[in-house]
Amino acid sequence: MENLTTKNKETLSKAELLKAKIKELLAYNDIEPEYSWGSDNQNSIDKIMQRQDAIQGEIDDLARELDTLMGRQIKFPMADSYAYYIITKVNKKTVEITWVKYCDAWQDSRAGYCSNLNFDYANQQVRGQDKLAELFGAKRIQA
C-alpha cells in the first residue's frame, strides 16, 4: 500500500488530496487482517485500525475544511458495533457510500459494498456526528 509522501501532498490540491486519502483508506478493504491484538504483525487488526483511524482523521479535517460531505462517515448500528461507510461521491440529490472493512467488518444488508443515500439524510447524519463530537469530543474545554 502506497502512502502519500509529504512532497506528493504539497503538489496535490486539497480536493485531490481528499480523493487520494479516500482511496488510501479503501485500500485496506483488500487486506485480510490477523485477528490478534497486540501482535507485532503490521496486518494485526489493531494496527490496521490505528492506521485507518489516522487516515479517517485526515479525511475528516480535509472534508470540513472544504465544507463537503465527500469522505465523511456514515455508520449503521449492527449488533455490538456498526457498519462503517464513507461517502465517495456527492451528487445533487444523492451521495454514494462505500463500505470500509473496519474492526468487525459489519456490512449493512441494505447498503452492501456500495449504495446511494438521499443527500439530505446523509447531510443530517454527518452534521449530527459533528454536533455529538462538539458536545462530547476530547477537544471540548471543561467549564
C-alpha atoms as a PDB file:
ATOM      1  CA  MET A   1       0.000   0.000   0.000  1.00  0.00           C
ATOM      2  CA  GLU A   2       1.382   3.346  -1.042  1.00  0.00           C
ATOM      3  CA  ASN A   3       1.366   6.177   1.486  1.00  0.00           C
ATOM      4  CA  LEU A   4       1.281   9.745   0.300  1.00  0.00           C
ATOM      5  CA  THR A   5       4.645  11.398   0.855  1.00  0.00           C
ATOM      6  CA  THR A   6       4.945  14.960   2.112  1.00  0.00           C
ATOM      7  CA  LYS A   7       6.135  16.114  -1.307  1.00  0.00           C
ATOM      8  CA  ASN A   8       3.145  14.473  -3.011  1.00  0.00           C
ATOM      9  CA  LYS A   9       0.787  16.113  -0.525  1.00  0.00           C
ATOM     10  CA  GLU A  10       2.188  19.552  -1.336  1.00  0.00           C
ATOM     11  CA  THR A  11       1.668  19.140  -5.070  1.00  0.00           C
ATOM     12  CA  LEU A  12      -1.927  17.980  -4.812  1.00  0.00           C
ATOM     13  CA  SER A  13      -4.826  20.353  -4.367  1.00  0.00           C
ATOM     14  CA  LYS A  14      -6.858  19.776  -1.211  1.00  0.00           C
ATOM     15  CA  ALA A  15      -9.708  18.219  -3.210  1.00  0.00           C
ATOM     16  CA  GLU A  16      -7.273  15.866  -4.964  1.00  0.00           C
ATOM     17  CA  LEU A  17      -5.643  15.066  -1.633  1.00  0.00           C
ATOM     18  CA  LEU A  18      -9.059  14.229  -0.176  1.00  0.00           C
ATOM     19  CA  LYS A  19      -9.751  11.802  -3.034  1.00  0.00           C
ATOM     20  CA  ALA A  20      -6.285  10.241  -2.646  1.00  0.00           C
ATOM     21  CA  LYS A  21      -6.817   9.760   1.101  1.00  0.00           C
ATOM     22  CA  ILE A  22     -10.204   8.116   0.488  1.00  0.00           C
ATOM     23  CA  LYS A  23      -8.538   5.752  -1.976  1.00  0.00           C
ATOM     24  CA  GLU A  24      -5.810   5.022   0.595  1.00  0.00           C
ATOM     25  CA  LEU A  25      -8.433   4.216   3.264  1.00  0.00           C
ATOM     26  CA  LEU A  26     -10.405   1.946   0.937  1.00  0.00           C
ATOM     27  CA  ALA A  27      -7.217   0.036   0.007  1.00  0.00           C
ATOM     28  CA  TYR A  28      -7.403  -1.501   3.496  1.00  0.00           C
ATOM     29  CA  ASN A  29     -10.513  -3.407   2.319  1.00  0.00           C
ATOM     30  CA  ASP A  30      -8.143  -5.684   0.366  1.00  0.00           C
ATOM     31  CA  ILE A  31      -6.063  -6.672   3.413  1.00  0.00           C
ATOM     32  CA  GLU A  32      -7.003  -9.796   5.339  1.00  0.00           C
ATOM     33  CA  PRO A  33      -6.286  -8.845   8.966  1.00  0.00           C
ATOM     34  CA  GLU A  34      -4.725 -11.086  11.560  1.00  0.00           C
ATOM     35  CA  TYR A  35      -7.208 -11.219  14.428  1.00  0.00           C
ATOM     36  CA  SER A  36      -4.727 -10.995  17.278  1.00  0.00           C
ATOM     37  CA  TRP A  37      -4.492  -7.922  19.445  1.00  0.00           C
ATOM     38  CA  GLY A  38      -1.064  -6.629  20.402  1.00  0.00           C
ATOM     39  CA  SER A  39       0.799  -8.581  17.744  1.00  0.00           C
ATOM     40  CA  ASP A  40       3.888  -7.118  16.058  1.00  0.00           C
ATOM     41  CA  ASN A  41       2.393  -8.055  12.698  1.00  0.00           C
ATOM     42  CA  GLN A  42       1.507  -4.924  10.683  1.00  0.00           C
ATOM     43  CA  ASN A  43      -1.626  -6.724   9.490  1.00  0.00           C
ATOM     44  CA  SER A  44      -2.934  -7.327  13.009  1.00  0.00           C
ATOM     45  CA  ILE A  45      -6.407  -5.909  13.423  1.00  0.00           C
ATOM     46  CA  ASP A  46      -5.376  -3.294  15.993  1.00  0.00           C
ATOM     47  CA  LYS A  47      -2.516  -1.940  13.841  1.00  0.00           C
ATOM     48  CA  ILE A  48      -4.779  -1.758  10.787  1.00  0.00           C
ATOM     49  CA  MET A  49      -7.459   0.054  12.798  1.00  0.00           C
ATOM     50  CA  GLN A  50      -4.895   2.562  14.114  1.00  0.00           C
ATOM     51  CA  ARG A  51      -3.801   3.365  10.556  1.00  0.00           C
ATOM     52  CA  GLN A  52      -7.421   3.584   9.371  1.00  0.00           C
ATOM     53  CA  ASP A  53      -8.292   5.944  12.253  1.00  0.00           C
ATOM     54  CA  ALA A  54      -5.354   8.206  11.383  1.00  0.00           C
ATOM     55  CA  ILE A  55      -6.336   8.347   7.715  1.00  0.00           C
ATOM     56  CA  GLN A  56     -10.007   8.961   8.559  1.00  0.00           C
ATOM     57  CA  GLY A  57      -8.927  11.822  10.836  1.00  0.00           C
ATOM     58  CA  GLU A  58      -7.048  13.427   7.938  1.00  0.00           C
ATOM     59  CA  ILE A  59     -10.054  12.863   5.658  1.00  0.00           C
ATOM     60  CA  ASP A  60     -12.432  14.454   8.182  1.00  0.00           C
ATOM     61  CA  ASP A  61     -10.175  17.506   8.564  1.00  0.00           C
ATOM     62  CA  LEU A  62      -9.938  17.982   4.794  1.00  0.00           C
ATOM     63  CA  ALA A  63     -13.688  17.458   4.288  1.00  0.00           C
ATOM     64  CA  ARG A  64     -14.537  20.014   6.989  1.00  0.00           C
ATOM     65  CA  GLU A  65     -12.056  22.489   5.519  1.00  0.00           C
ATOM     66  CA  LEU A  66     -13.572  22.021   2.043  1.00  0.00           C
ATOM     67  CA  ASP A  67     -17.120  22.011   3.502  1.00  0.00           C
ATOM     68  CA  THR A  68     -18.072  18.819   1.675  1.00  0.00           C
ATOM     69  CA  LEU A  69     -19.746  15.548   2.518  1.00  0.00           C
ATOM     70  CA  MET A  70     -17.145  13.726   0.419  1.00  0.00           C
ATOM     71  CA  GLY A  71     -15.073  11.489   2.678  1.00  0.00           C
ATOM     72  CA  ARG A  72     -17.338  11.759   5.691  1.00  0.00           C
ATOM     73  CA  GLN A  73     -18.522   8.667   7.585  1.00  0.00           C
ATOM     74  CA  ILE A  74     -21.958   7.105   7.644  1.00  0.00           C
ATOM     75  CA  LYS A  75     -22.476   4.414  10.276  1.00  0.00           C
ATOM     76  CA  PHE A  76     -25.336   1.947  10.629  1.00  0.00           C
ATOM     77  CA  PRO A  77     -25.792   0.234  14.030  1.00  0.00           C
ATOM     78  CA  MET A  78     -25.070  -3.504  13.845  1.00  0.00           C
ATOM     79  CA  ALA A  79     -25.149  -5.900  16.824  1.00  0.00           C
ATOM     80  CA  ASP A  80     -22.479  -4.628  19.253  1.00  0.00           C
ATOM     81  CA  SER A  81     -20.858  -2.271  16.751  1.00  0.00           C
ATOM     82  CA  TYR A  82     -21.682  -0.632  13.432  1.00  0.00           C
ATOM     83  CA  ALA A  83     -21.283  -0.957   9.689  1.00  0.00           C
ATOM     84  CA  TYR A  84     -18.868   1.728   8.548  1.00  0.00           C
ATOM     85  CA  TYR A  85     -19.225   3.514   5.209  1.00  0.00           C
ATOM     86  CA  ILE A  86     -17.548   6.523   3.669  1.00  0.00           C
ATOM     87  CA  ILE A  87     -19.103   8.976   1.243  1.00  0.00           C
ATOM     88  CA  THR A  88     -17.232   8.585  -2.053  1.00  0.00           C
ATOM     89  CA  LYS A  89     -19.378  10.652  -4.400  1.00  0.00           C
ATOM     90  CA  VAL A  90     -21.699  13.619  -3.892  1.00  0.00           C
ATOM     91  CA  ASN A  91     -24.499  14.415  -6.339  1.00  0.00           C
ATOM     92  CA  LYS A  92     -27.296  16.997  -6.138  1.00  0.00           C
ATOM     93  CA  LYS A  93     -29.857  14.624  -4.626  1.00  0.00           C
ATOM     94  CA  THR A  94     -27.829  11.587  -3.556  1.00  0.00           C
ATOM     95  CA  VAL A  95     -24.466  10.523  -2.183  1.00  0.00           C
ATOM     96  CA  GLU A  96     -22.647   7.293  -2.914  1.00  0.00           C
ATOM     97  CA  ILE A  97     -21.349   5.382   0.084  1.00  0.00           C
ATOM     98  CA  THR A  98     -18.677   2.689   0.016  1.00  0.00           C
ATOM     99  CA  TRP A  99     -18.149   0.083   2.714  1.00  0.00           C
ATOM    100  CA  VAL A 100     -14.982   0.253   4.820  1.00  0.00           C
ATOM    101  CA  LYS A 101     -13.663  -3.018   6.242  1.00  0.00           C
ATOM    102  CA  TYR A 102     -13.169  -1.823   9.825  1.00  0.00           C
ATOM    103  CA  CYS A 103     -12.940  -3.792  13.068  1.00  0.00           C
ATOM    104  CA  ASP A 104     -15.684  -6.459  12.894  1.00  0.00           C
ATOM    105  CA  ALA A 105     -16.237  -5.641   9.197  1.00  0.00           C
ATOM    106  CA  TRP A 106     -20.003  -5.395   9.583  1.00  0.00           C
ATOM    107  CA  GLN A 107     -21.984  -4.636   6.452  1.00  0.00           C
ATOM    108  CA  ASP A 108     -25.487  -3.233   6.270  1.00  0.00           C
ATOM    109  CA  SER A 109     -27.688  -5.641   4.304  1.00  0.00           C
ATOM    110  CA  ARG A 110     -29.418  -2.733   2.569  1.00  0.00           C
ATOM    111  CA  ALA A 111     -26.218  -0.981   1.506  1.00  0.00           C
ATOM    112  CA  GLY A 112     -23.895  -3.911   0.765  1.00  0.00           C
ATOM    113  CA  TYR A 113     -20.492  -2.836  -0.544  1.00  0.00           C
ATOM    114  CA  CYS A 114     -21.696   0.311  -2.281  1.00  0.00           C
ATOM    115  CA  SER A 115     -25.006   2.157  -2.282  1.00  0.00           C
ATOM    116  CA  ASN A 116     -26.691   5.528  -2.717  1.00  0.00           C
ATOM    117  CA  LEU A 117     -28.353   7.543   0.020  1.00  0.00           C
ATOM    118  CA  ASN A 118     -30.548  10.609  -0.108  1.00  0.00           C
ATOM    119  CA  PHE A 119     -28.363  13.738   0.147  1.00  0.00           C
ATOM    120  CA  ASP A 120     -30.458  15.271   2.935  1.00  0.00           C
ATOM    121  CA  TYR A 121     -30.317  12.066   5.000  1.00  0.00           C
ATOM    122  CA  ALA A 122     -26.522  11.837   4.634  1.00  0.00           C
ATOM    123  CA  ASN A 123     -26.104  15.514   5.451  1.00  0.00           C
ATOM    124  CA  GLN A 124     -28.240  15.116   8.572  1.00  0.00           C
ATOM    125  CA  GLN A 125     -26.180  12.098   9.714  1.00  0.00           C
ATOM    126  CA  VAL A 126     -22.858  13.873   9.208  1.00  0.00           C
ATOM    127  CA  ARG A 127     -23.989  17.104  10.879  1.00  0.00           C
ATOM    128  CA  GLY A 128     -25.351  15.056  13.794  1.00  0.00           C
ATOM    129  CA  GLN A 129     -21.964  13.353  14.192  1.00  0.00           C
ATOM    130  CA  ASP A 130     -20.289  16.777  14.156  1.00  0.00           C
ATOM    131  CA  LYS A 131     -22.602  18.071  16.886  1.00  0.00           C
ATOM    132  CA  LEU A 132     -22.005  15.000  19.058  1.00  0.00           C
ATOM    133  CA  ALA A 133     -18.250  15.377  18.616  1.00  0.00           C
ATOM    134  CA  GLU A 134     -18.556  19.032  19.547  1.00  0.00           C
ATOM    135  CA  LEU A 135     -20.503  18.181  22.694  1.00  0.00           C
ATOM    136  CA  PHE A 136     -18.577  15.113  23.847  1.00  0.00           C
ATOM    137  CA  GLY A 137     -15.282  15.244  21.933  1.00  0.00           C
ATOM    138  CA  ALA A 138     -11.856  15.190  23.553  1.00  0.00           C
ATOM    139  CA  LYS A 139     -11.125  18.728  22.374  1.00  0.00           C
ATOM    140  CA  ARG A 140     -14.020  20.176  24.356  1.00  0.00           C
ATOM    141  CA  ILE A 141     -12.965  22.695  27.006  1.00  0.00           C
ATOM    142  CA  GLN A 142     -14.144  21.836  30.501  1.00  0.00           C
ATOM    143  CA  ALA A 143     -16.118  24.593  32.256  1.00  0.00           C
END
